[in-house]
């Protein structure tokens, strides 16, 4: 099999987080994880070999 090359489909979801002193660190991490999961779901829904990146959501960012 050394002469046979197979590509592996890959999808990625990326999310940017907002870090502000007044936000609880746990809430910040939870928000970023949720947004990264959402962006991965969006990439998968678009088909193989897709990357979706979500910019920081300042209005809906984690609050203390």
PDB file of N, CA and C in Angstrom:
ATOM      1  N   UNK A   1       0.807  -1.195   0.000  1.00  0.00           N
ATOM      2  CA  UNK A   1       0.000   0.000   0.000  1.00  0.00           C
ATOM      3  C   UNK A   1       0.852   1.262   0.000  1.00  0.00           C
ATOM      4  N   UNK A   2       2.136   1.153   0.034  1.00  0.00           N
ATOM      5  CA  UNK A   2       2.993   2.323   0.059  1.00  0.00           C
ATOM      6  C   UNK A   2       2.854   3.162  -1.206  1.00  0.00           C
ATOM      7  N   UNK A   3       2.492   2.550  -2.320  1.00  0.00           N
ATOM      8  CA  UNK A   3       2.364   3.292  -3.566  1.00  0.00           C
ATOM      9  C   UNK A   3       0.980   3.914  -3.750  1.00  0.00           C
ATOM     10  N   UNK A   4       0.049   3.607  -2.865  1.00  0.00           N
ATOM     11  CA  UNK A   4      -1.305   4.145  -2.960  1.00  0.00           C
ATOM     12  C   UNK A   4      -1.500   5.246  -1.914  1.00  0.00           C
ATOM     13  N   UNK A   5      -1.887   6.415  -2.385  1.00  0.00           N
ATOM     14  CA  UNK A   5      -2.147   7.519  -1.464  1.00  0.00           C
ATOM     15  C   UNK A   5      -3.641   7.789  -1.416  1.00  0.00           C
ATOM     16  N   UNK A   6      -4.159   7.876  -0.226  1.00  0.00           N
ATOM     17  CA  UNK A   6      -5.568   8.167  -0.014  1.00  0.00           C
ATOM     18  C   UNK A   6      -5.701   9.474   0.738  1.00  0.00           C
ATOM     19  N   UNK A   7      -6.613  10.299   0.292  1.00  0.00           N
ATOM     20  CA  UNK A   7      -6.861  11.530   1.040  1.00  0.00           C
ATOM     21  C   UNK A   7      -7.913  11.253   2.111  1.00  0.00           C
ATOM     22  N   UNK A   8      -7.777  11.940   3.189  1.00  0.00           N
ATOM     23  CA  UNK A   8      -8.710  11.790   4.298  1.00  0.00           C
ATOM     24  C   UNK A   8      -9.529  13.069   4.383  1.00  0.00           C
ATOM     25  N   UNK A   9     -10.854  12.959   4.257  1.00  0.00           N
ATOM     26  CA  UNK A   9     -11.686  14.161   4.374  1.00  0.00           C
ATOM     27  C   UNK A   9     -11.508  14.804   5.751  1.00  0.00           C
ATOM     28  N   UNK A  10     -11.444  16.112   5.756  1.00  0.00           N
ATOM     29  CA  UNK A  10     -11.198  16.841   7.000  1.00  0.00           C
ATOM     30  C   UNK A  10     -12.076  18.085   7.037  1.00  0.00           C
ATOM     31  N   UNK A  11     -12.750  18.281   8.126  1.00  0.00           N
ATOM     32  CA  UNK A  11     -13.528  19.494   8.363  1.00  0.00           C
ATOM     33  C   UNK A  11     -13.009  20.139   9.642  1.00  0.00           C
ATOM     34  N   UNK A  12     -13.115  21.465   9.702  1.00  0.00           N
ATOM     35  CA  UNK A  12     -12.669  22.167  10.903  1.00  0.00           C
ATOM     36  C   UNK A  12     -13.624  23.304  11.229  1.00  0.00           C
ATOM     37  N   UNK A  13     -13.776  23.525  12.507  1.00  0.00           N
ATOM     38  CA  UNK A  13     -14.550  24.656  12.994  1.00  0.00           C
ATOM     39  C   UNK A  13     -13.670  25.482  13.913  1.00  0.00           C
ATOM     40  N   UNK A  14     -13.627  26.777  13.680  1.00  0.00           N
ATOM     41  CA  UNK A  14     -12.772  27.675  14.450  1.00  0.00           C
ATOM     42  C   UNK A  14     -13.641  28.799  15.002  1.00  0.00           C
ATOM     43  N   UNK A  15     -13.399  29.170  16.245  1.00  0.00           N
ATOM     44  CA  UNK A  15     -14.164  30.259  16.852  1.00  0.00           C
ATOM     45  C   UNK A  15     -13.231  31.188  17.612  1.00  0.00           C
ATOM     46  N   UNK A  16     -13.464  32.465  17.447  1.00  0.00           N
ATOM     47  CA  UNK A  16     -12.702  33.478  18.160  1.00  0.00           C
ATOM     48  C   UNK A  16     -13.464  33.853  19.424  1.00  0.00           C
ATOM     49  N   UNK A  17     -12.753  34.044  20.506  1.00  0.00           N
ATOM     50  CA  UNK A  17     -13.396  34.389  21.764  1.00  0.00           C
ATOM     51  C   UNK A  17     -13.105  35.819  22.183  1.00  0.00           C
ATOM     52  N   UNK A  18     -13.933  36.327  23.079  1.00  0.00           N
ATOM     53  CA  UNK A  18     -13.756  37.668  23.627  1.00  0.00           C
ATOM     54  C   UNK A  18     -13.316  37.519  25.077  1.00  0.00           C
ATOM     55  N   UNK A  19     -12.191  38.114  25.406  1.00  0.00           N
ATOM     56  CA  UNK A  19     -11.694  38.052  26.781  1.00  0.00           C
ATOM     57  C   UNK A  19     -11.743  39.466  27.351  1.00  0.00           C
ATOM     58  N   UNK A  20     -12.562  39.615  28.364  1.00  0.00           N
ATOM     59  CA  UNK A  20     -12.661  40.899  29.063  1.00  0.00           C
ATOM     60  C   UNK A  20     -12.613  40.627  30.549  1.00  0.00           C
ATOM     61  N   UNK A  21     -12.040  41.547  31.273  1.00  0.00           N
ATOM     62  CA  UNK A  21     -11.832  41.358  32.704  1.00  0.00           C
ATOM     63  C   UNK A  21     -13.134  41.108  33.457  1.00  0.00           C
ATOM     64  N   UNK A  22     -14.222  41.727  33.023  1.00  0.00           N
ATOM     65  CA  UNK A  22     -15.485  41.578  33.750  1.00  0.00           C
ATOM     66  C   UNK A  22     -16.178  40.243  33.472  1.00  0.00           C
ATOM     67  N   UNK A  23     -15.694  39.455  32.510  1.00  0.00           N
ATOM     68  CA  UNK A  23     -16.305  38.164  32.188  1.00  0.00           C
ATOM     69  C   UNK A  23     -15.707  37.060  33.051  1.00  0.00           C
ATOM     70  N   UNK A  24     -16.535  36.155  33.475  1.00  0.00           N
ATOM     71  CA  UNK A  24     -16.092  34.985  34.232  1.00  0.00           C
ATOM     72  C   UNK A  24     -15.312  34.070  33.284  1.00  0.00           C
ATOM     73  N   UNK A  25     -14.087  33.657  33.654  1.00  0.00           N
ATOM     74  CA  UNK A  25     -13.281  32.796  32.784  1.00  0.00           C
ATOM     75  C   UNK A  25     -13.996  31.506  32.365  1.00  0.00           C
ATOM     76  N   UNK A  26     -14.774  30.927  33.254  1.00  0.00           N
ATOM     77  CA  UNK A  26     -15.504  29.695  32.917  1.00  0.00           C
ATOM     78  C   UNK A  26     -16.529  29.977  31.826  1.00  0.00           C
ATOM     79  N   UNK A  27     -17.207  31.114  31.917  1.00  0.00           N
ATOM     80  CA  UNK A  27     -18.184  31.489  30.895  1.00  0.00           C
ATOM     81  C   UNK A  27     -17.510  31.730  29.549  1.00  0.00           C
ATOM     82  N   UNK A  28     -16.329  32.331  29.567  1.00  0.00           N
ATOM     83  CA  UNK A  28     -15.588  32.583  28.330  1.00  0.00           C
ATOM     84  C   UNK A  28     -15.245  31.265  27.650  1.00  0.00           C
ATOM     85  N   UNK A  29     -14.716  30.327  28.410  1.00  0.00           N
ATOM     86  CA  UNK A  29     -14.345  29.022  27.850  1.00  0.00           C
ATOM     87  C   UNK A  29     -15.573  28.303  27.316  1.00  0.00           C
ATOM     88  N   UNK A  30     -16.653  28.308  28.074  1.00  0.00           N
ATOM     89  CA  UNK A  30     -17.888  27.652  27.636  1.00  0.00           C
ATOM     90  C   UNK A  30     -18.391  28.265  26.336  1.00  0.00           C
ATOM     91  N   UNK A  31     -18.374  29.579  26.244  1.00  0.00           N
ATOM     92  CA  UNK A  31     -18.824  30.279  25.032  1.00  0.00           C
ATOM     93  C   UNK A  31     -17.968  29.894  23.825  1.00  0.00           C
ATOM     94  N   UNK A  32     -16.657  29.861  23.998  1.00  0.00           N
ATOM     95  CA  UNK A  32     -15.763  29.512  22.885  1.00  0.00           C
ATOM     96  C   UNK A  32     -15.983  28.066  22.452  1.00  0.00           C
ATOM     97  N   UNK A  33     -16.119  27.159  23.400  1.00  0.00           N
ATOM     98  CA  UNK A  33     -16.365  25.749  23.066  1.00  0.00           C
ATOM     99  C   UNK A  33     -17.680  25.612  22.300  1.00  0.00           C
ATOM    100  N   UNK A  34     -18.731  26.264  22.766  1.00  0.00           N
ATOM    101  CA  UNK A  34     -20.028  26.194  22.084  1.00  0.00           C
ATOM    102  C   UNK A  34     -19.944  26.741  20.664  1.00  0.00           C
ATOM    103  N   UNK A  35     -19.239  27.855  20.491  1.00  0.00           N
ATOM    104  CA  UNK A  35     -19.110  28.448  19.160  1.00  0.00           C
ATOM    105  C   UNK A  35     -18.227  27.600  18.252  1.00  0.00           C
ATOM    106  N   UNK A  36     -17.187  26.995  18.799  1.00  0.00           N
ATOM    107  CA  UNK A  36     -16.339  26.105  17.992  1.00  0.00           C
ATOM    108  C   UNK A  36     -17.129  24.879  17.543  1.00  0.00           C
ATOM    109  N   UNK A  37     -17.944  24.349  18.435  1.00  0.00           N
ATOM    110  CA  UNK A  37     -18.791  23.204  18.081  1.00  0.00           C
ATOM    111  C   UNK A  37     -19.794  23.594  16.995  1.00  0.00           C
ATOM    112  N   UNK A  38     -20.379  24.773  17.112  1.00  0.00           N
ATOM    113  CA  UNK A  38     -21.312  25.257  16.099  1.00  0.00           C
ATOM    114  C   UNK A  38     -20.617  25.398  14.748  1.00  0.00           C
ATOM    115  N   UNK A  39     -19.428  25.978  14.738  1.00  0.00           N
ATOM    116  CA  UNK A  39     -18.721  26.165  13.471  1.00  0.00           C
ATOM    117  C   UNK A  39     -18.325  24.826  12.852  1.00  0.00           C
ATOM    118  N   UNK A  40     -17.987  23.837  13.674  1.00  0.00           N
ATOM    119  CA  UNK A  40     -17.688  22.504  13.143  1.00  0.00           C
ATOM    120  C   UNK A  40     -18.941  21.874  12.550  1.00  0.00           C
ATOM    121  N   UNK A  41     -20.065  22.001  13.234  1.00  0.00           N
ATOM    122  CA  UNK A  41     -21.332  21.489  12.696  1.00  0.00           C
ATOM    123  C   UNK A  41     -21.662  22.147  11.357  1.00  0.00           C
ATOM    124  N   UNK A  42     -21.405  23.447  11.258  1.00  0.00           N
ATOM    125  CA  UNK A  42     -21.664  24.157  10.008  1.00  0.00           C
ATOM    126  C   UNK A  42     -20.752  23.652   8.892  1.00  0.00           C
ATOM    127  N   UNK A  43     -19.480  23.406   9.217  1.00  0.00           N
ATOM    128  CA  UNK A  43     -18.532  22.898   8.224  1.00  0.00           C
ATOM    129  C   UNK A  43     -18.947  21.516   7.738  1.00  0.00           C
ATOM    130  N   UNK A  44     -19.354  20.659   8.646  1.00  0.00           N
ATOM    131  CA  UNK A  44     -19.789  19.305   8.287  1.00  0.00           C
ATOM    132  C   UNK A  44     -21.029  19.373   7.398  1.00  0.00           C
ATOM    133  N   UNK A  45     -21.945  20.269   7.707  1.00  0.00           N
ATOM    134  CA  UNK A  45     -23.171  20.403   6.917  1.00  0.00           C
ATOM    135  C   UNK A  45     -22.879  20.856   5.487  1.00  0.00           C
ATOM    136  N   UNK A  46     -21.777  21.565   5.290  1.00  0.00           N
ATOM    137  CA  UNK A  46     -21.402  22.047   3.959  1.00  0.00           C
ATOM    138  C   UNK A  46     -20.729  20.967   3.117  1.00  0.00           C
ATOM    139  N   UNK A  47     -20.332  19.871   3.739  1.00  0.00           N
ATOM    140  CA  UNK A  47     -19.686  18.788   3.001  1.00  0.00           C
ATOM    141  C   UNK A  47     -18.239  18.610   3.417  1.00  0.00           C
ATOM    142  N   UNK A  48     -17.586  17.644   2.772  1.00  0.00           N
ATOM    143  CA  UNK A  48     -16.204  17.309   3.125  1.00  0.00           C
ATOM    144  C   UNK A  48     -15.241  18.436   2.759  1.00  0.00           C
ATOM    145  N   UNK A  49     -14.168  18.489   3.509  1.00  0.00           N
ATOM    146  CA  UNK A  49     -13.073  19.432   3.265  1.00  0.00           C
ATOM    147  C   UNK A  49     -13.508  20.896   3.387  1.00  0.00           C
ATOM    148  N   UNK A  50     -14.196  21.201   4.445  1.00  0.00           N
ATOM    149  CA  UNK A  50     -14.658  22.572   4.682  1.00  0.00           C
ATOM    150  C   UNK A  50     -14.134  23.085   6.018  1.00  0.00           C
ATOM    151  N   UNK A  51     -13.884  24.378   6.056  1.00  0.00           N
ATOM    152  CA  UNK A  51     -13.490  25.052   7.289  1.00  0.00           C
ATOM    153  C   UNK A  51     -14.427  26.241   7.475  1.00  0.00           C
ATOM    154  N   UNK A  52     -14.989  26.368   8.671  1.00  0.00           N
ATOM    155  CA  UNK A  52     -15.844  27.509   9.004  1.00  0.00           C
ATOM    156  C   UNK A  52     -15.218  28.212  10.199  1.00  0.00           C
ATOM    157  N   UNK A  53     -15.030  29.518  10.070  1.00  0.00           N
ATOM    158  CA  UNK A  53     -14.474  30.322  11.155  1.00  0.00           C
ATOM    159  C   UNK A  53     -15.504  31.360  11.581  1.00  0.00           C
ATOM    160  N   UNK A  54     -15.752  31.431  12.875  1.00  0.00           N
ATOM    161  CA  UNK A  54     -16.689  32.412  13.420  1.00  0.00           C
ATOM    162  C   UNK A  54     -15.903  33.499  14.149  1.00  0.00           C
ATOM    163  N   UNK A  55     -16.138  34.734  13.761  1.00  0.00           N
ATOM    164  CA  UNK A  55     -15.501  35.861  14.439  1.00  0.00           C
ATOM    165  C   UNK A  55     -16.125  36.024  15.823  1.00  0.00           C
ATOM    166  N   UNK A  56     -15.457  36.768  16.649  1.00  0.00           N
ATOM    167  CA  UNK A  56     -15.960  37.009  18.003  1.00  0.00           C
ATOM    168  C   UNK A  56     -17.318  37.684  17.944  1.00  0.00           C
ATOM    169  N   UNK A  57     -18.208  37.259  18.816  1.00  0.00           N
ATOM    170  CA  UNK A  57     -19.543  37.846  18.910  1.00  0.00           C
ATOM    171  C   UNK A  57     -19.562  38.748  20.132  1.00  0.00           C
ATOM    172  N   UNK A  58     -19.248  40.003  19.942  1.00  0.00           N
ATOM    173  CA  UNK A  58     -19.136  40.922  21.071  1.00  0.00           C
ATOM    174  C   UNK A  58     -20.465  41.125  21.785  1.00  0.00           C
ATOM    175  N   UNK A  59     -21.551  41.184  21.063  1.00  0.00           N
ATOM    176  CA  UNK A  59     -22.858  41.434  21.673  1.00  0.00           C
ATOM    177  C   UNK A  59     -23.333  40.266  22.517  1.00  0.00           C
ATOM    178  N   UNK A  60     -23.049  39.038  22.068  1.00  0.00           N
ATOM    179  CA  UNK A  60     -23.547  37.872  22.801  1.00  0.00           C
ATOM    180  C   UNK A  60     -22.447  37.159  23.575  1.00  0.00           C
ATOM    181  N   UNK A  61     -21.342  37.853  23.814  1.00  0.00           N
ATOM    182  CA  UNK A  61     -20.231  37.235  24.530  1.00  0.00           C
ATOM    183  C   UNK A  61     -20.632  36.938  25.972  1.00  0.00           C
ATOM    184  N   UNK A  62     -19.888  36.039  26.579  1.00  0.00           N
ATOM    185  CA  UNK A  62     -20.174  35.609  27.949  1.00  0.00           C
ATOM    186  C   UNK A  62     -20.196  36.803  28.897  1.00  0.00           C
ATOM    187  N   UNK A  63     -21.138  36.774  29.814  1.00  0.00           N
ATOM    188  CA  UNK A  63     -21.226  37.838  30.814  1.00  0.00           C
ATOM    189  C   UNK A  63     -21.207  37.229  32.203  1.00  0.00           C
ATOM    190  N   UNK A  64     -20.697  37.996  33.131  1.00  0.00           N
ATOM    191  CA  UNK A  64     -20.585  37.500  34.504  1.00  0.00           C
ATOM    192  C   UNK A  64     -21.913  37.483  35.199  1.00  0.00           C
TER     193      UNK A  64
END
